[in-house]
C-alpha atoms as a PDB file:
ATOM      1  CA  MET A   1       0.000   0.000   0.000  1.00  0.00           C
ATOM      2  CA  ASN A   2       1.280   3.468  -0.787  1.00  0.00           C
ATOM      3  CA  ILE A   3       0.467   6.772   0.898  1.00  0.00           C
ATOM      4  CA  ASP A   4      -2.007   7.823  -1.817  1.00  0.00           C
ATOM      5  CA  GLU A   5      -3.970   4.598  -1.417  1.00  0.00           C
ATOM      6  CA  LEU A   6      -3.939   5.074   2.350  1.00  0.00           C
ATOM      7  CA  ASN A   7      -5.139   8.663   2.042  1.00  0.00           C
ATOM      8  CA  ALA A   8      -8.100   7.501  -0.083  1.00  0.00           C
ATOM      9  CA  LEU A   9      -9.423   5.046   2.523  1.00  0.00           C
ATOM     10  CA  GLU A  10     -12.609   5.578   4.496  1.00  0.00           C
ATOM     11  CA  LEU A  11     -12.263   5.705   8.283  1.00  0.00           C
ATOM     12  CA  GLY A  12     -12.945   1.994   8.889  1.00  0.00           C
ATOM     13  CA  ALA A  13     -10.474   0.774   6.284  1.00  0.00           C
ATOM     14  CA  PHE A  14      -7.897   3.376   7.360  1.00  0.00           C
ATOM     15  CA  THR A  15      -8.190   2.195  10.960  1.00  0.00           C
ATOM     16  CA  THR A  16      -7.963  -1.437   9.881  1.00  0.00           C
ATOM     17  CA  GLN A  17      -4.737  -0.719   7.967  1.00  0.00           C
ATOM     18  CA  LEU A  18      -3.115   1.415  10.691  1.00  0.00           C
ATOM     19  CA  GLY A  19      -4.789   0.174  13.865  1.00  0.00           C
ATOM     20  CA  SER A  20      -1.840  -1.967  14.960  1.00  0.00           C
ATOM     21  CA  ILE A  21       0.877   0.571  14.204  1.00  0.00           C
ATOM     22  CA  PHE A  22       0.552   1.617  17.851  1.00  0.00           C
ATOM     23  CA  GLU A  23       0.063  -1.681  19.719  1.00  0.00           C
ATOM     24  CA  HIS A  24      -3.627  -2.462  20.338  1.00  0.00           C
ATOM     25  CA  SER A  25      -4.431   1.253  20.051  1.00  0.00           C
ATOM     26  CA  PRO A  26      -6.529   1.877  16.915  1.00  0.00           C
ATOM     27  CA  TRP A  27      -7.631   5.190  18.423  1.00  0.00           C
ATOM     28  CA  VAL A  28      -4.360   6.707  17.172  1.00  0.00           C
ATOM     29  CA  ALA A  29      -5.284   5.934  13.542  1.00  0.00           C
ATOM     30  CA  GLU A  30      -8.846   7.165  14.122  1.00  0.00           C
ATOM     31  CA  ASP A  31      -7.530  10.441  15.552  1.00  0.00           C
ATOM     32  CA  VAL A  32      -5.350  11.209  12.534  1.00  0.00           C
ATOM     33  CA  TRP A  33      -7.779  10.123   9.792  1.00  0.00           C
ATOM     34  CA  PRO A  34      -9.355  13.617   9.510  1.00  0.00           C
ATOM     35  CA  LEU A  35      -5.889  15.092   8.904  1.00  0.00           C
ATOM     36  CA  ARG A  36      -5.515  13.378   5.508  1.00  0.00           C
ATOM     37  CA  PRO A  37      -4.030  13.716   3.004  1.00  0.00           C
ATOM     38  CA  PHE A  38      -0.580  12.912   4.317  1.00  0.00           C
ATOM     39  CA  VAL A  39       2.291  13.805   2.011  1.00  0.00           C
ATOM     40  CA  GLY A  40       4.408  10.871   3.055  1.00  0.00           C
ATOM     41  CA  ILE A  41       5.400   8.550   5.823  1.00  0.00           C
ATOM     42  CA  ASP A  42       7.156  11.326   7.775  1.00  0.00           C
ATOM     43  CA  ASP A  43       3.971  13.382   7.811  1.00  0.00           C
ATOM     44  CA  LEU A  44       1.810  10.424   8.862  1.00  0.00           C
ATOM     45  CA  HIS A  45       4.226   9.311  11.565  1.00  0.00           C
ATOM     46  CA  ALA A  46       4.490  12.831  12.974  1.00  0.00           C
ATOM     47  CA  ALA A  47       0.690  13.162  13.078  1.00  0.00           C
ATOM     48  CA  MET A  48       0.318   9.816  14.836  1.00  0.00           C
ATOM     49  CA  CYS A  49       2.996  10.679  17.399  1.00  0.00           C
ATOM     50  CA  LYS A  50       1.349  14.058  18.027  1.00  0.00           C
ATOM     51  CA  ALA A  51      -1.995  12.305  18.597  1.00  0.00           C
ATOM     52  CA  VAL A  52      -0.333  10.209  21.306  1.00  0.00           C
ATOM     53  CA  ILE A  53       1.271  13.260  22.903  1.00  0.00           C
ATOM     54  CA  ASP A  54      -1.971  15.235  22.780  1.00  0.00           C
ATOM     55  CA  ALA A  55      -3.952  12.335  24.271  1.00  0.00           C
ATOM     56  CA  GLY A  56      -2.498  12.939  27.723  1.00  0.00           C
ATOM     57  CA  GLU A  57      -0.840  10.788  30.327  1.00  0.00           C
ATOM     58  CA  ASP A  58      -3.752   8.396  31.003  1.00  0.00           C
ATOM     59  CA  ALA A  59      -4.045   7.428  27.326  1.00  0.00           C
ATOM     60  CA  GLN A  60      -0.263   7.231  27.035  1.00  0.00           C
ATOM     61  CA  LEU A  61      -0.085   4.898  30.029  1.00  0.00           C
ATOM     62  CA  ALA A  62      -2.812   2.719  28.509  1.00  0.00           C
ATOM     63  CA  LEU A  63      -0.799   2.623  25.267  1.00  0.00           C
ATOM     64  CA  LEU A  64       2.348   1.558  27.122  1.00  0.00           C
ATOM     65  CA  ARG A  65       0.407  -1.104  29.006  1.00  0.00           C
ATOM     66  CA  ALA A  66      -0.970  -2.439  25.698  1.00  0.00           C
ATOM     67  CA  HIS A  67       2.550  -3.588  24.796  1.00  0.00           C
ATOM     68  CA  PRO A  68       3.541  -7.159  25.625  1.00  0.00           C
ATOM     69  CA  GLN A  69       6.551  -8.037  27.706  1.00  0.00           C
ATOM     70  CA  LEU A  70       9.505  -9.048  25.572  1.00  0.00           C
ATOM     71  CA  ALA A  71       9.605 -12.859  25.501  1.00  0.00           C
ATOM     72  CA  GLY A  72       6.835 -12.805  28.103  1.00  0.00           C
ATOM     73  CA  LYS A  73       3.815 -15.016  28.732  1.00  0.00           C
ATOM     74  CA  ALA A  74       1.905 -13.707  25.708  1.00  0.00           C
ATOM     75  CA  ALA A  75       4.807 -14.711  23.459  1.00  0.00           C
ATOM     76  CA  LEU A  76       4.962 -18.166  24.997  1.00  0.00           C
ATOM     77  CA  ARG A  77       1.217 -18.627  24.491  1.00  0.00           C
ATOM     78  CA  GLY A  78       1.387 -17.339  20.895  1.00  0.00           C
ATOM     79  CA  GLU A  79      -0.836 -14.344  21.711  1.00  0.00           C
ATOM     80  CA  LEU A  80       1.323 -11.548  20.284  1.00  0.00           C
ATOM     81  CA  THR A  81       0.219  -9.450  17.345  1.00  0.00           C
ATOM     82  CA  ALA A  82       1.812 -10.463  14.058  1.00  0.00           C
ATOM     83  CA  GLU A  83       3.978  -7.330  14.225  1.00  0.00           C
ATOM     84  CA  SER A  84       5.221  -8.054  17.762  1.00  0.00           C
ATOM     85  CA  THR A  85       5.923 -11.679  16.868  1.00  0.00           C
ATOM     86  CA  ARG A  86       8.052 -10.662  13.852  1.00  0.00           C
ATOM     87  CA  GLU A  87       9.891  -8.005  15.861  1.00  0.00           C
ATOM     88  CA  GLN A  88      10.698 -10.298  18.776  1.00  0.00           C
ATOM     89  CA  GLN A  89      11.735 -13.170  16.496  1.00  0.00           C
ATOM     90  CA  GLY A  90      13.928 -10.774  14.512  1.00  0.00           C
ATOM     91  CA  ALA A  91      15.840 -10.002  17.707  1.00  0.00           C
ATOM     92  CA  GLY A  92      16.186 -13.699  18.478  1.00  0.00           C
ATOM     93  CA  LEU A  93      13.967 -13.590  21.548  1.00  0.00           C
ATOM     94  CA  ASP A  94      12.272 -16.802  20.450  1.00  0.00           C
ATOM     95  CA  GLN A  95      15.671 -18.524  20.787  1.00  0.00           C
ATOM     96  CA  CYS A  96      16.543 -17.549  24.364  1.00  0.00           C
ATOM     97  CA  SER A  97      18.470 -20.082  26.377  1.00  0.00           C
ATOM     98  CA  PRO A  98      16.789 -21.093  29.641  1.00  0.00           C
ATOM     99  CA  GLU A  99      19.201 -18.772  31.489  1.00  0.00           C
ATOM    100  CA  GLU A 100      18.487 -15.822  29.163  1.00  0.00           C
ATOM    101  CA  PHE A 101      14.766 -16.422  29.431  1.00  0.00           C
ATOM    102  CA  ALA A 102      14.933 -16.571  33.240  1.00  0.00           C
ATOM    103  CA  ARG A 103      16.963 -13.327  33.399  1.00  0.00           C
ATOM    104  CA  LEU A 104      14.667 -11.571  30.923  1.00  0.00           C
ATOM    105  CA  HIS A 105      11.577 -12.734  32.824  1.00  0.00           C
ATOM    106  CA  ALA A 106      13.019 -11.558  36.172  1.00  0.00           C
ATOM    107  CA  LEU A 107      14.078  -8.170  34.777  1.00  0.00           C
ATOM    108  CA  ASN A 108      10.719  -7.707  33.032  1.00  0.00           C
ATOM    109  CA  ALA A 109       8.892  -8.387  36.305  1.00  0.00           C
ATOM    110  CA  GLN A 110      11.166  -6.020  38.254  1.00  0.00           C
ATOM    111  CA  TYR A 111      10.738  -3.301  35.616  1.00  0.00           C
ATOM    112  CA  GLU A 112       6.950  -3.622  35.519  1.00  0.00           C
ATOM    113  CA  ARG A 113       6.686  -3.531  39.331  1.00  0.00           C
ATOM    114  CA  ARG A 114       8.849  -0.405  39.443  1.00  0.00           C
ATOM    115  CA  PHE A 115       7.187   1.570  36.631  1.00  0.00           C
ATOM    116  CA  GLY A 116       3.666   0.146  36.234  1.00  0.00           C
ATOM    117  CA  PHE A 117       4.067  -0.660  32.536  1.00  0.00           C
ATOM    118  CA  PRO A 118       6.128  -3.182  30.565  1.00  0.00           C
ATOM    119  CA  TYR A 119       9.656  -2.578  29.363  1.00  0.00           C
ATOM    120  CA  ILE A 120       9.452  -1.383  25.769  1.00  0.00           C
ATOM    121  CA  LEU A 121      12.281  -1.354  23.272  1.00  0.00           C
ATOM    122  CA  ALA A 122      12.257  -1.097  19.501  1.00  0.00           C
ATOM    123  CA  VAL A 123      14.242  -4.303  19.114  1.00  0.00           C
ATOM    124  CA  ARG A 124      15.304  -3.901  15.485  1.00  0.00           C
ATOM    125  CA  GLY A 125      19.090  -3.986  15.384  1.00  0.00           C
ATOM    126  CA  HIS A 126      19.324  -5.469  18.887  1.00  0.00           C
ATOM    127  CA  THR A 127      20.496  -8.868  20.029  1.00  0.00           C
ATOM    128  CA  ARG A 128      19.367 -10.817  23.084  1.00  0.00           C
ATOM    129  CA  ASP A 129      22.473  -9.575  24.906  1.00  0.00           C
ATOM    130  CA  SER A 130      21.917  -5.919  24.017  1.00  0.00           C
ATOM    131  CA  ILE A 131      18.248  -6.155  25.000  1.00  0.00           C
ATOM    132  CA  LEU A 132      19.144  -7.622  28.385  1.00  0.00           C
ATOM    133  CA  ALA A 133      21.815  -4.943  28.921  1.00  0.00           C
ATOM    134  CA  ASN A 134      19.397  -2.147  27.947  1.00  0.00           C
ATOM    135  CA  LEU A 135      16.687  -3.501  30.246  1.00  0.00           C
ATOM    136  CA  ALA A 136      19.090  -3.829  33.174  1.00  0.00           C
ATOM    137  CA  ALA A 137      20.340  -0.257  32.637  1.00  0.00           C
ATOM    138  CA  ARG A 138      16.860   1.278  32.351  1.00  0.00           C
ATOM    139  CA  ILE A 139      15.534  -0.244  35.587  1.00  0.00           C
ATOM    140  CA  ASP A 140      17.388   2.428  37.576  1.00  0.00           C
ATOM    141  CA  ASN A 141      15.861   5.377  35.678  1.00  0.00           C
ATOM    142  CA  ALA A 142      13.488   7.791  37.356  1.00  0.00           C
ATOM    143  CA  ARG A 143       9.841   7.077  36.489  1.00  0.00           C
ATOM    144  CA  ASP A 144       9.324  10.266  34.463  1.00  0.00           C
ATOM    145  CA  GLU A 145      12.541   9.615  32.528  1.00  0.00           C
ATOM    146  CA  GLU A 146      11.494   6.019  31.837  1.00  0.00           C
ATOM    147  CA  PHE A 147       7.943   7.020  30.878  1.00  0.00           C
ATOM    148  CA  ALA A 148       9.396   9.392  28.274  1.00  0.00           C
ATOM    149  CA  GLU A 149      11.854   6.734  27.053  1.00  0.00           C
ATOM    150  CA  ALA A 150       9.103   4.124  26.739  1.00  0.00           C
ATOM    151  CA  LEU A 151       7.007   6.555  24.666  1.00  0.00           C
ATOM    152  CA  HIS A 152      10.054   7.281  22.502  1.00  0.00           C
ATOM    153  CA  GLN A 153      10.507   3.551  21.913  1.00  0.00           C
ATOM    154  CA  VAL A 154       6.807   3.228  20.999  1.00  0.00           C
ATOM    155  CA  GLU A 155       7.305   5.984  18.404  1.00  0.00           C
ATOM    156  CA  ARG A 156      10.322   4.102  16.973  1.00  0.00           C
ATOM    157  CA  ILE A 157       8.320   0.872  16.796  1.00  0.00           C
ATOM    158  CA  ALA A 158       5.502   2.733  15.039  1.00  0.00           C
ATOM    159  CA  ARG A 159       7.941   4.143  12.508  1.00  0.00           C
ATOM    160  CA  PHE A 160       9.324   0.694  11.696  1.00  0.00           C
ATOM    161  CA  ARG A 161       5.792  -0.666  11.333  1.00  0.00           C
ATOM    162  CA  LEU A 162       4.776   2.179   9.014  1.00  0.00           C
ATOM    163  CA  GLU A 163       7.842   1.566   6.878  1.00  0.00           C
ATOM    164  CA  ALA A 164       6.942  -2.117   6.646  1.00  0.00           C
ATOM    165  CA  LEU A 165       3.382  -1.264   5.621  1.00  0.00           C
ATOM    166  CA  ILE A 166       3.947   1.706   3.312  1.00  0.00           C
ATOM    167  CA  GLY A 167       7.634   1.695   2.527  1.00  0.00           C
ATOM    168  CA  ARG A 168      10.025   4.575   2.969  1.00  0.00           C
END
């Protein structure tokens, strides 16, 4: 699909195409639909990110909480979205050793207890080792710093997903 085809879609079809760009949050696509036409992916991504920013902290927290834990229970049960499955497999998280899985699970639980939302990282370009190192380093952040970082990572994930859908 290209940007012109996307711009021509009615609200329902537009939301269907873009509803998973921000994990389980089709409201982001619905919010930007009236802003069409978008000139390109940069324009669309910026509008979607602004919709998240403008939505306020409660909606942002709900968006963060909509993300699955990396290599968490949802992944083990096969309940991830297609996008999350591809992203986590691309980083090798489906091939964790028992020790890596145990460490990732423990760090995920510690992170979520501390911040109230799952650890989020745009995993493209990461390895299991770099993900574990990043998670361990971020656990000591202040909550407001980590909230901002998690939102930044969500924006990066959204960008990668848009590029996969529309192209660059």
